[in-house]
Each structure stands twice: as C-alpha cells, then as structure tokens.
Protein backbone atom coordinates (compact mmCIF):
# COMPACT_ATOMS: atom_id res chain seq x y z
CA MET A 1 53.14 -59.98 -49.01
CA LYS A 2 50.11 -58.78 -50.86
CA PHE A 3 48.55 -57.67 -47.59
CA ASP A 4 51.66 -55.61 -46.68
CA SER A 5 51.63 -54.02 -50.13
CA GLU A 6 48.03 -52.91 -49.71
CA ASN A 7 48.77 -51.42 -46.28
CA LYS A 8 51.71 -49.49 -47.73
CA LYS A 9 49.47 -48.02 -50.45
CA ILE A 10 46.95 -46.91 -47.83
CA ASP A 11 49.67 -45.28 -45.71
CA ASP A 12 51.06 -43.52 -48.79
CA SER A 13 47.59 -42.23 -49.66
CA LYS A 14 47.10 -40.91 -46.12
CA GLN A 15 50.41 -39.08 -46.32
CA ILE A 16 49.46 -37.53 -49.66
CA ILE A 17 46.10 -36.38 -48.24
CA LYS A 18 47.81 -34.94 -45.17
CA LYS A 19 50.27 -32.98 -47.29
CA GLU A 20 47.44 -31.64 -49.47
CA ARG A 21 45.55 -30.49 -46.37
CA GLU A 22 48.65 -28.69 -45.14
CA LYS A 23 49.00 -26.99 -48.52
CA ILE A 24 45.37 -25.86 -48.41
CA LYS A 25 45.87 -24.55 -44.85
CA ILE A 26 48.90 -22.54 -45.94
CA GLN A 27 47.04 -21.19 -48.97
CA LYS A 28 44.10 -20.05 -46.80
CA LYS A 29 46.50 -18.43 -44.33
CA ASN A 30 48.23 -16.57 -47.16
CA ILE A 31 44.89 -15.38 -48.52
CA ARG A 32 43.93 -14.06 -45.08
CA LYS A 33 47.25 -12.30 -44.73
CA LYS A 34 46.79 -10.72 -48.13
CA LYS A 35 43.31 -9.46 -47.17
CA MET A 36 44.65 -8.12 -43.89
CA LYS A 37 47.45 -6.29 -45.70
CA ASN A 38 44.95 -4.69 -48.08
CA LEU A 39 42.71 -3.68 -45.17
CA LYS A 40 45.69 -2.30 -43.27
CA LYS A 41 46.30 0.13 -46.12
CA THR A 42 42.94 1.75 -45.42
CA LYS A 43 42.45 4.45 -42.72
CA LEU A 44 40.18 2.24 -40.62
CA GLY A 45 42.57 -0.69 -40.90
CA SER A 46 45.46 1.46 -39.76
CA ILE A 47 43.57 2.50 -36.62
CA LEU A 48 42.46 -1.04 -35.80
CA SER A 49 45.97 -2.42 -36.26
CA LYS A 50 47.29 -0.04 -33.62
CA VAL A 51 44.51 -0.88 -31.15
CA PHE A 52 44.19 -4.63 -31.50
CA PHE A 53 47.54 -5.65 -33.02
CA ILE A 54 45.52 -7.82 -35.37
CA PHE A 55 47.60 -7.09 -38.44
CA TYR A 56 50.96 -8.10 -37.09
CA GLU A 57 52.54 -10.56 -39.45
CA LYS A 58 53.27 -13.18 -36.86
CA ASP A 59 51.51 -16.20 -35.48
CA ASN A 60 51.79 -15.54 -31.76
CA TYR A 61 51.15 -12.53 -29.53
CA SER A 62 52.91 -11.61 -26.32
CA PHE A 63 51.06 -11.82 -22.99
CA SER A 64 50.84 -8.01 -22.74
CA GLN A 65 49.31 -7.79 -26.22
CA VAL A 66 46.70 -10.43 -25.40
CA PHE A 67 45.93 -8.68 -22.10
CA VAL A 68 45.38 -5.32 -23.86
CA ILE A 69 43.15 -6.97 -26.47
CA ILE A 70 41.00 -8.56 -23.74
CA ILE A 71 40.65 -5.30 -21.78
CA VAL A 72 39.78 -3.25 -24.87
CA SER A 73 37.27 -5.92 -26.00
CA LEU A 74 35.60 -5.90 -22.59
CA ILE A 75 35.31 -2.11 -22.67
CA PHE A 76 33.79 -2.12 -26.15
CA GLY A 77 31.49 -5.02 -25.18
CA ALA A 78 30.26 -3.19 -22.08
CA PHE A 79 29.64 -0.04 -24.12
CA ALA A 80 27.68 -2.02 -26.72
CA CYS A 81 25.56 -3.70 -24.03
CA LEU A 82 24.86 -0.35 -22.35
CA SER A 83 23.86 1.18 -25.69
CA LEU A 84 21.51 -1.73 -26.42
CA PHE A 85 20.00 -1.49 -22.92
CA THR A 86 19.44 2.26 -23.38
CA ILE A 87 17.66 1.65 -26.70
CA LEU A 88 15.45 -1.11 -25.27
CA SER A 89 14.59 0.98 -22.19
CA HIS A 90 13.67 4.01 -24.36
CA GLY A 91 16.43 6.12 -22.86
CA LYS A 92 15.45 5.60 -19.22
CA ASN A 93 18.30 5.47 -16.74
CA TYR A 94 17.24 2.53 -14.58
CA PHE A 95 20.46 2.68 -12.57
CA ARG A 96 19.55 6.20 -11.43
CA LEU A 97 15.93 5.19 -10.85
CA GLY A 98 17.10 2.26 -8.77
CA ARG A 99 19.09 4.56 -6.49
CA GLU A 100 16.25 7.07 -6.19
CA LEU A 101 13.64 4.38 -5.41
CA SER A 102 15.80 2.28 -3.08
CA LYS A 103 13.84 3.46 -0.02
CA PHE A 104 10.56 2.45 -1.69
CA TYR A 105 11.97 -1.01 -2.47
CA ASP A 106 13.15 -1.40 1.14
CA VAL A 107 9.75 -0.48 2.60
CA TYR A 108 7.95 -2.75 0.12
CA ASP A 109 10.23 -5.69 0.99
CA VAL A 110 9.87 -5.10 4.73
CA LEU A 111 6.07 -5.13 4.54
CA VAL A 112 5.78 -8.07 2.15
CA ASP A 113 8.31 -10.23 4.01
CA ASN A 114 7.61 -9.32 7.62
CA TYR A 115 4.05 -8.04 8.11
CA TYR A 116 2.14 -10.56 10.24
CA GLY A 117 -1.13 -10.29 8.34
CA ASN A 118 -2.12 -10.72 4.71
CA ILE A 119 -0.69 -8.20 2.25
CA ASP A 120 -2.24 -7.32 -1.10
CA LYS A 121 0.83 -6.49 -3.19
CA ASN A 122 -1.22 -4.84 -5.92
CA LYS A 123 -2.87 -2.50 -3.38
CA LEU A 124 0.54 -1.56 -2.00
CA VAL A 125 1.77 -0.53 -5.45
CA GLU A 126 -1.49 1.25 -6.38
CA ALA A 127 -1.46 3.24 -3.13
CA ALA A 128 2.20 4.15 -3.62
CA ILE A 129 1.53 5.43 -7.15
CA GLU A 130 -1.52 7.43 -6.04
CA GLY A 131 0.47 8.97 -3.20
CA MET A 132 3.36 9.83 -5.52
CA VAL A 133 1.11 11.53 -8.06
CA SER A 134 -0.99 13.41 -5.49
CA SER A 135 2.16 14.73 -3.79
CA VAL A 136 2.83 16.85 -6.89
CA GLY A 137 0.07 19.14 -5.64
CA ASP A 138 -1.59 19.62 -9.03
CA GLU A 139 -5.28 18.72 -9.23
CA TYR A 140 -4.94 17.95 -12.94
CA THR A 141 -2.04 15.54 -12.48
CA ASN A 142 -3.58 12.25 -11.39
CA TYR A 143 -3.52 8.47 -11.64
CA SER A 144 -6.34 6.24 -12.91
CA ASP A 145 -6.53 2.50 -12.31
CA VAL A 146 -7.47 0.13 -15.13
CA LYS A 147 -11.24 0.47 -14.64
CA GLU A 148 -11.09 4.28 -14.42
CA ALA A 149 -8.72 4.41 -17.39
CA ASP A 150 -11.08 2.32 -19.54
CA SER A 151 -13.95 4.67 -18.73
CA PHE A 152 -11.81 7.75 -19.42
CA ASN A 153 -10.56 6.36 -22.74
CA GLU A 154 -14.05 5.40 -23.88
CA MET A 155 -15.39 8.85 -23.01
CA LEU A 156 -12.69 10.75 -24.90
CA SER A 157 -12.49 8.34 -27.83
CA GLY A 158 -16.16 9.02 -28.52
CA LYS A 159 -16.67 5.37 -29.49
CA TYR A 160 -17.69 2.17 -27.75
CA GLU A 161 -18.91 -1.36 -28.43
CA GLY A 162 -22.69 -1.49 -28.10
CA ILE A 163 -25.99 -0.86 -29.88
CA GLY A 164 -26.26 2.94 -29.75
CA CYS A 165 -29.15 4.04 -27.59
CA THR A 166 -29.62 5.76 -24.23
CA ILE A 167 -31.83 4.13 -21.60
CA THR A 168 -33.30 5.14 -18.27
CA PHE A 169 -35.06 3.42 -15.37
CA LYS A 170 -38.38 4.93 -14.32
CA ASP A 171 -41.57 3.53 -12.82
CA ASN A 172 -39.90 0.10 -12.60
CA LYS A 173 -39.36 0.09 -16.38
CA VAL A 174 -36.30 0.43 -18.61
CA SER A 175 -37.16 2.88 -21.38
CA VAL A 176 -35.31 4.16 -24.46
CA ILE A 177 -34.85 7.94 -24.32
CA SER A 178 -32.69 8.42 -27.43
CA VAL A 179 -31.40 6.43 -30.39
CA TYR A 180 -28.08 7.33 -32.07
CA ASP A 181 -28.09 8.05 -35.77
CA LYS A 182 -26.84 5.17 -37.99
CA SER A 183 -26.47 2.92 -34.91
CA PRO A 184 -27.35 -0.80 -34.66
CA ALA A 185 -30.36 0.22 -32.52
CA MET A 186 -31.66 2.54 -35.25
CA LYS A 187 -31.03 -0.08 -37.95
CA ALA A 188 -32.97 -2.68 -35.92
CA GLY A 189 -35.94 -0.35 -35.54
CA ILE A 190 -35.70 0.67 -31.87
CA GLN A 191 -37.52 3.94 -31.21
CA GLU A 192 -37.56 6.56 -28.47
CA GLY A 193 -40.16 5.63 -25.87
CA ASP A 194 -39.80 1.87 -26.36
CA ILE A 195 -39.90 -0.11 -23.12
CA ILE A 196 -37.24 -2.83 -23.04
CA LYS A 197 -38.71 -6.07 -21.67
CA THR A 198 -35.85 -8.53 -22.20
CA VAL A 199 -32.34 -8.67 -23.61
CA ASP A 200 -31.45 -12.27 -24.43
CA ASN A 201 -32.40 -14.07 -21.20
CA LEU A 202 -32.24 -10.99 -18.94
CA VAL A 203 -35.40 -9.31 -17.69
CA ALA A 204 -34.64 -5.59 -17.99
CA SER A 205 -36.79 -4.41 -15.07
CA GLU A 206 -35.07 -6.89 -12.74
CA VAL A 207 -31.42 -6.22 -13.60
CA GLY A 208 -31.66 -2.41 -14.04
CA VAL A 209 -29.92 0.03 -16.37
CA THR A 210 -26.27 -0.39 -15.27
CA LYS A 211 -26.16 -4.19 -15.43
CA LEU A 212 -28.14 -4.22 -18.66
CA ALA A 213 -25.78 -1.72 -20.34
CA ASN A 214 -22.69 -3.62 -19.15
CA TYR A 215 -24.14 -6.89 -20.43
CA ILE A 216 -24.80 -5.42 -23.88
CA LYS A 217 -21.32 -3.85 -24.05
CA THR A 218 -19.18 -6.68 -22.69
CA GLU A 219 -20.96 -9.98 -22.13
CA ALA A 220 -23.51 -10.42 -24.88
CA THR A 221 -22.63 -12.08 -28.18
CA LYS A 222 -22.43 -10.00 -31.35
CA GLU A 223 -26.07 -10.83 -32.08
CA ILE A 224 -28.53 -9.73 -29.41
CA MET A 225 -32.18 -10.70 -29.09
CA MET A 226 -34.37 -7.96 -27.62
CA VAL A 227 -38.07 -7.70 -26.86
CA VAL A 228 -39.55 -4.19 -26.57
CA ILE A 229 -43.05 -2.99 -25.76
CA ARG A 230 -44.45 -0.28 -28.02
CA ASP A 231 -48.09 0.84 -27.81
CA LYS A 232 -48.81 -2.19 -25.57
CA GLU A 233 -47.50 -4.53 -28.28
CA GLU A 234 -44.47 -6.79 -27.83
CA ILE A 235 -41.95 -6.58 -30.67
CA SER A 236 -39.02 -8.98 -31.07
CA LEU A 237 -35.85 -7.46 -32.54
CA THR A 238 -32.43 -8.78 -33.50
CA LEU A 239 -29.51 -6.39 -33.09
CA LYS A 240 -25.85 -6.74 -34.02
CA ARG A 241 -23.47 -5.15 -31.57
CA ASP A 242 -20.93 -2.89 -33.28
CA THR A 243 -18.61 0.06 -32.74
CA VAL A 244 -20.83 3.05 -32.04
CA GLU A 245 -19.84 6.70 -32.35
CA MET A 246 -21.32 8.72 -29.52
CA PRO A 247 -23.05 11.91 -30.70
CA VAL A 248 -21.55 14.88 -28.86
CA VAL A 249 -22.86 17.55 -31.22
CA SER A 250 -26.46 18.54 -31.83
CA GLY A 251 -28.01 21.53 -33.57
CA LYS A 252 -30.99 23.28 -35.07
CA VAL A 253 -32.05 26.48 -36.82
CA TYR A 254 -33.86 29.36 -35.09
CA THR A 255 -35.58 32.24 -36.85
CA ILE A 256 -34.91 35.39 -34.82
CA ASN A 257 -35.59 38.94 -36.00
CA ASP A 258 -36.31 37.59 -39.50
CA LYS A 259 -32.86 35.96 -39.61
CA LYS A 260 -31.92 32.30 -39.62
CA VAL A 261 -29.56 31.56 -36.72
CA GLY A 262 -27.75 28.24 -36.42
CA TYR A 263 -27.37 26.66 -32.99
CA ILE A 264 -24.77 23.97 -32.15
CA ASP A 265 -24.40 22.37 -28.74
CA ILE A 266 -21.05 20.68 -27.97
CA GLU A 267 -21.15 18.28 -25.01
CA LEU A 268 -17.48 17.24 -24.97
CA PHE A 269 -14.35 17.69 -27.07
CA SER A 270 -13.87 13.97 -27.72
CA SER A 271 -11.94 12.57 -30.68
CA VAL A 272 -15.04 12.65 -32.91
CA VAL A 273 -16.29 16.17 -32.17
CA ALA A 274 -14.53 18.11 -34.94
CA ASN A 275 -16.00 15.96 -37.71
CA GLN A 276 -19.45 16.04 -36.11
CA PHE A 277 -19.21 19.82 -35.72
CA LYS A 278 -18.22 20.30 -39.36
CA ASP A 279 -21.05 18.06 -40.60
CA LYS A 280 -23.60 19.89 -38.46
CA LEU A 281 -22.27 23.32 -39.47
CA LEU A 282 -22.48 22.47 -43.18
CA GLU A 283 -26.01 21.14 -42.64
CA LEU A 284 -27.07 24.40 -40.97
CA GLU A 285 -25.37 26.50 -43.63
CA SER A 286 -27.23 24.58 -46.33
CA ASP A 287 -30.39 25.84 -44.60
CA GLY A 288 -29.17 29.40 -45.11
CA ILE A 289 -28.11 30.48 -41.61
CA GLN A 290 -26.85 34.04 -41.22
CA ALA A 291 -25.37 33.72 -37.73
CA LEU A 292 -24.24 31.02 -35.29
CA VAL A 293 -24.55 30.29 -31.57
CA ILE A 294 -22.25 27.65 -30.02
CA ASP A 295 -23.27 26.28 -26.62
CA VAL A 296 -20.49 24.88 -24.39
CA ARG A 297 -22.24 25.15 -21.04
CA ASP A 298 -21.20 22.28 -18.73
CA ASN A 299 -18.56 21.18 -21.27
CA ASN A 300 -15.40 20.52 -19.25
CA GLY A 301 -13.02 20.13 -22.18
CA GLY A 302 -11.23 17.35 -24.04
CA TYR A 303 -8.68 17.14 -26.83
CA LEU A 304 -6.74 20.24 -27.89
CA SER A 305 -6.50 18.93 -31.46
CA GLU A 306 -10.29 18.82 -31.74
CA VAL A 307 -10.94 22.39 -30.61
CA THR A 308 -8.08 23.49 -32.89
CA ASP A 309 -9.81 21.88 -35.88
CA ILE A 310 -13.12 23.53 -34.98
CA LEU A 311 -11.48 26.96 -34.74
CA ASN A 312 -9.84 26.36 -38.10
CA TYR A 313 -13.31 26.08 -39.64
CA LEU A 314 -14.32 29.45 -38.20
CA LEU A 315 -11.37 31.86 -38.03
CA PRO A 316 -9.55 33.40 -41.01
CA LYS A 317 -6.10 32.29 -42.07
CA GLY A 318 -3.38 33.86 -39.91
CA ALA A 319 -5.65 34.51 -36.92
CA THR A 320 -4.23 33.48 -33.55
CA LEU A 321 -6.06 30.51 -32.01
CA TYR A 322 -4.13 30.30 -28.72
CA GLN A 323 -0.64 30.32 -27.25
CA VAL A 324 1.24 27.71 -25.20
CA GLN A 325 3.90 28.50 -22.61
CA ARG A 326 6.54 26.39 -20.90
CA ASP A 327 9.78 27.48 -19.20
CA ASN A 328 9.06 31.12 -20.14
CA LYS A 329 8.97 30.20 -23.83
CA ARG A 330 5.84 30.92 -25.86
CA GLU A 331 4.57 29.29 -29.02
CA VAL A 332 1.73 30.89 -30.96
CA THR A 333 -0.72 28.67 -32.84
CA LYS A 334 -2.37 30.33 -35.81
CA ASP A 335 -5.01 29.31 -38.33
CA LYS A 336 -3.26 27.89 -41.40
CA THR A 337 -6.35 26.87 -43.35
CA GLY A 338 -8.29 28.66 -46.04
CA GLU A 339 -11.65 28.13 -44.33
CA LYS A 340 -13.38 30.98 -42.53
CA ARG A 341 -16.80 32.32 -41.53
CA GLU A 342 -17.85 35.94 -41.60
CA TYR A 343 -21.26 35.89 -39.94
CA PRO A 344 -21.78 36.85 -36.27
CA ILE A 345 -20.89 34.12 -33.72
CA ALA A 346 -21.72 33.89 -30.02
CA VAL A 347 -20.58 31.30 -27.49
CA VAL A 348 -22.84 30.51 -24.51
CA THR A 349 -20.92 29.58 -21.39
CA ASN A 350 -21.21 28.95 -17.65
CA GLU A 351 -19.08 28.19 -14.61
CA ASN A 352 -18.56 24.57 -15.75
CA SER A 353 -17.16 25.48 -19.15
CA ALA A 354 -13.47 24.58 -18.90
CA SER A 355 -10.24 23.86 -20.74
CA ALA A 356 -10.95 23.27 -24.48
CA SER A 357 -14.27 25.11 -24.06
CA GLU A 358 -12.38 28.13 -22.77
CA ILE A 359 -9.91 27.93 -25.66
CA LEU A 360 -12.88 28.13 -28.03
CA GLU A 361 -14.45 31.02 -26.13
CA ALA A 362 -11.21 33.01 -25.92
CA ALA A 363 -10.53 32.66 -29.65
CA ILE A 364 -14.07 33.71 -30.60
CA LYS A 365 -13.86 36.66 -28.21
CA GLU A 366 -10.34 37.94 -28.97
CA SER A 367 -9.60 36.81 -32.54
CA TYR A 368 -13.04 36.52 -34.16
CA HIS A 369 -14.39 39.48 -32.14
CA GLY A 370 -17.61 37.62 -31.44
CA TYR A 371 -19.78 37.39 -28.33
CA VAL A 372 -19.38 35.32 -25.17
CA VAL A 373 -22.66 35.14 -23.27
CA GLY A 374 -23.29 33.78 -19.78
CA ILE A 375 -21.19 33.87 -16.63
CA LYS A 376 -17.46 33.63 -15.90
CA THR A 377 -15.96 30.27 -16.91
CA TYR A 378 -14.16 27.68 -14.77
CA GLY A 379 -10.60 28.88 -15.31
CA LYS A 380 -8.36 25.97 -16.39
CA GLY A 381 -5.27 27.33 -18.09
CA THR A 382 -3.06 24.23 -18.18
CA MET A 383 -2.60 21.36 -20.62
CA GLN A 384 -2.08 17.68 -19.85
CA GLN A 385 -0.62 14.61 -21.52
CA VAL A 386 -1.62 11.02 -20.81
CA LYS A 387 0.78 8.10 -20.36
CA LYS A 388 -0.75 4.64 -20.66
CA LEU A 389 0.97 2.14 -18.36
CA SER A 390 1.70 -1.51 -19.13
CA ASP A 391 -1.37 -2.87 -17.30
CA GLY A 392 -3.80 -0.43 -18.95
CA SER A 393 -3.88 2.13 -16.13
CA LEU A 394 -2.75 5.67 -16.90
CA VAL A 395 -1.12 8.78 -15.52
CA LYS A 396 -2.31 12.22 -16.60
CA TYR A 397 0.21 15.01 -16.00
CA THR A 398 0.46 18.74 -16.69
CA THR A 399 3.00 19.77 -19.33
CA GLN A 400 2.40 23.45 -20.08
CA ASN A 401 0.14 26.50 -19.77
CA TRP A 402 -2.10 27.81 -22.50
CA LEU A 403 -2.80 31.50 -23.05
CA THR A 404 -5.56 33.31 -24.92
CA PRO A 405 -4.76 34.90 -28.32
CA ASP A 406 -4.03 38.18 -26.51
CA GLY A 407 -1.63 36.40 -24.14
CA ASN A 408 -3.86 36.20 -21.03
CA TRP A 409 -3.50 33.25 -18.62
CA ILE A 410 -6.99 32.46 -17.33
CA ASN A 411 -6.05 29.79 -14.77
CA ASP A 412 -8.22 30.11 -11.64
CA LYS A 413 -9.63 33.32 -13.15
CA GLY A 414 -11.84 32.18 -15.99
CA ILE A 415 -13.01 34.11 -19.01
CA THR A 416 -15.27 37.10 -18.45
CA PRO A 417 -18.13 37.11 -20.99
CA THR A 418 -18.70 40.08 -23.28
CA ASN A 419 -22.31 39.91 -22.11
CA GLN A 420 -22.74 38.65 -18.55
CA VAL A 421 -26.07 36.91 -18.11
CA LYS A 422 -27.03 34.79 -15.13
CA LEU A 423 -29.50 31.99 -15.82
CA ASP A 424 -32.96 32.89 -14.49
CA GLU A 425 -34.47 30.92 -11.63
CA GLU A 426 -37.51 30.38 -13.83
CA TYR A 427 -35.43 28.10 -16.06
CA TYR A 428 -34.54 25.82 -13.15
CA GLN A 429 -38.24 25.52 -12.28
CA ASN A 430 -39.35 25.08 -15.90
CA PRO A 431 -36.36 24.19 -18.17
CA GLU A 432 -37.76 25.22 -21.53
CA GLU A 433 -35.98 27.13 -24.30
CA LYS A 434 -38.15 30.22 -23.81
CA ASN A 435 -36.95 30.42 -20.18
CA ASP A 436 -33.27 30.01 -21.13
CA ASN A 437 -32.38 33.69 -20.97
CA GLN A 438 -28.68 33.03 -21.71
CA LEU A 439 -29.53 31.32 -25.01
CA GLN A 440 -32.16 33.93 -25.87
CA THR A 441 -29.64 36.73 -25.27
CA ALA A 442 -27.10 35.07 -27.58
CA LEU A 443 -29.68 34.53 -30.31
CA ASN A 444 -30.74 38.18 -30.18
CA LEU A 445 -27.15 39.47 -30.20
CA VAL A 446 -26.13 37.64 -33.38
CA SER A 447 -29.41 38.41 -35.20
CA LYS A 448 -29.63 42.14 -34.58
C-alpha cells in the first residue's frame, strides 16, 4: 500500500509539472503575439504582414499561404546570395565573363584532355594572356610574367634588398664602380675601385657579376662576409643586407659666365625621385645657384605623381602642369602649392626622353617659359595603369592621353626643343663634359 501511495505522489507531481509547462508555453506564445501586434502597428510591420502573413492571429496557414512564403523567401534568398557574390567578386560579372570566354574554355579543355603529347598548362594560359593583350594593338598595353613583373616593380619602386653598390666585370675581376650614399656597403667601408675577391664562400671572378648580385639580393643571409682587395691588400668586411634606396638623381654646381648654375640629372621617375630631387635642389640652392639645368636624356619616364611633385617645386601656384583627356573630356592639373622658382631653367633632352620626361619638358617650356635643349623627344602621349594579378604577374594598360599645358598631344610627334642641338660626334669619341655640346648650350643659355 505504501508503494502504491508513493507512485501516486510521483504521478501527481508529473501532472503538476506538465500543467506548469503548458502554462509557460501559453505565456510565451501570448508574449510573442503581443510583440507581433506592436510591430504590426509600425509601417515596416504592416508591409511585412501583407507579404509574409506572419502576423495573422492563427496557428495554422493555408497551403497557398505557405507556398507564397516559400517562393518569396527563395527570391529574397537568391537576391541576397547574388549581392554577396557581387561584393566578394568586386563587382565583376562572372556569368557574363563565362559566356564570353566559353570558346577559350572549350579550346583549353580540348588540348588538355586530348592532345597526344605533354601539355604545360601554365604555358597555355601565359600564351593566351599574351595573345589577348597584344591583340589590343597598343605597344604600351602589355603583360609581364612574375619574373618580369618583379624586375619592373623593383625598378620603379626605387628600392631593393641588397648592400648598395654597383659592380662590373673587367679583366677577369669584379670591381666596385660606385657606392650608394648611406648604404650598407658605405657603412661597411667599401670604396669605389675595390676588387671583390669573395662573398661568403663564392669566388667573385668565377661566378661573375649577375650570379654574385643575385646571391647577395636573394640567397645570402642578412650578414654577409666579403673580402676585397685594395692597393694589393686583402680586407675582410662584414655587411648587413638591408633595404637600399637606388639613387636616381645626381647633381653639381657649374660656374658659367660668373654665375653659379645648378645641374641635376634624373635617370628615372621612380617612386623615390621627387624626394631625391628636392634634397638635391635645396643642396644646390644652399650653394647659391642662380640658374638650373635638368638633364633627362635617356630617361624613359615613370610615375606621373613623381613628376607632378617635381613640377610643384618649380612652377608658381596656379600654373598648368599638364592636361589629361579621355572620352573627349579634359581635366587640367595645376600647381596648388606655394613653392616656386624664379631663376632661369633649361631641360636637356634627346630622342629617348619619354613620357614623364616629356611632361616635365612641356611644363618648363610652356608654363615656366624656360628652355628645352637638344633634339626632338620620343613622343609618348598616353598614360598607363598597372594591375597586379594573383600570382604576382601584371598587366599594364593605357587609360588616357596626356596633353601639354597648351593642350598639345605629342604622341608619335615628340616635343620640339626651343634650342635644337644635335650631340657632336666628338662626344661619342671622347665622352667628356667639355665635348657635351648639348649640356654646354644649356649652361650658357641659363647663365647669360
């Protein structure tokens, strides 16, 4: 009897718990209904109630209502997925690209799956890209593989990992011909004229300049042991490889006609040139120069931003630097800085002066009213952008034309100098400054 009594108590307790759970369920349902009613009173809730029937005060929906809810949900889901895909793909329409490239995919699959010999898939893709880019018919729109891209980027960045000296191979010896300022080579005590005997375990005369340079840049550890010969004495040096800024600007002061004339040579408009130009210009001005000659012979261009910064140092505020044109729309770029120079300026140029060099020349000629000395320039009147691809290769493509301050397009025409001077044959036979008649003409023009 006692056992039956205990069982009855347990059953009664279970019933009580069950009833309490039901009460809680009902209370939660009422709370949800209350929230839904409050939401339905809002504008958004009113719209949603009509679309999804979610605020109907009933427990079950009809088949047609459920069907409509499913269809609408699928539509909104597909739209959300498409929006997310568009964001992740940076706005590219891969469905359209798939249709346009379907022939390429077919040919690729046919060759890979059916050609009887070995197929290098990477070569297939590389050749297809090169053919695609070259078919544009623009010599400045081109494709560079990873190795070419690395070289291009290093050249225009103006920086590289190394020790900071230039070497040459002559008479079966590797010799130092220049040492960069503030470089690891200069800090270690390397001097021009030093003969490099060994670098770590490599014998310089056996491996040659190219392999030696590549080893120092890419294979050697941060700390490099080098033995050089100077005045027949062997000297052991320890160098630490570091990021080196390549000097692309050099200069000096000439005294012509009792006037101090500054001279600045620009080799390339890399990403470091504007700062180097400014530093050199201030150095020359501290020496009291009264005129300036800028040499861009054999300079084939570089970054637009760098030549813009250089022109901002020279031209007065409001002066036109250049114009850009695309789809018959022109945009004029003017000097917005407070810096300016008022002394005579000449630019020395030749047939290999192109792109950014020509922008500099045109601005000095047309806006600064200075001199351009030499022969007609290369004639590159277009601008390019670079797109780095996922594997490190890149595509360079033309985006617009640039015009001189006066609105002239010099593409395939070049810039005609204010003073046309052809380099004398004597200079080619004996390349000394006194035989450089183009430079001498420029120096005389700005110092008269």
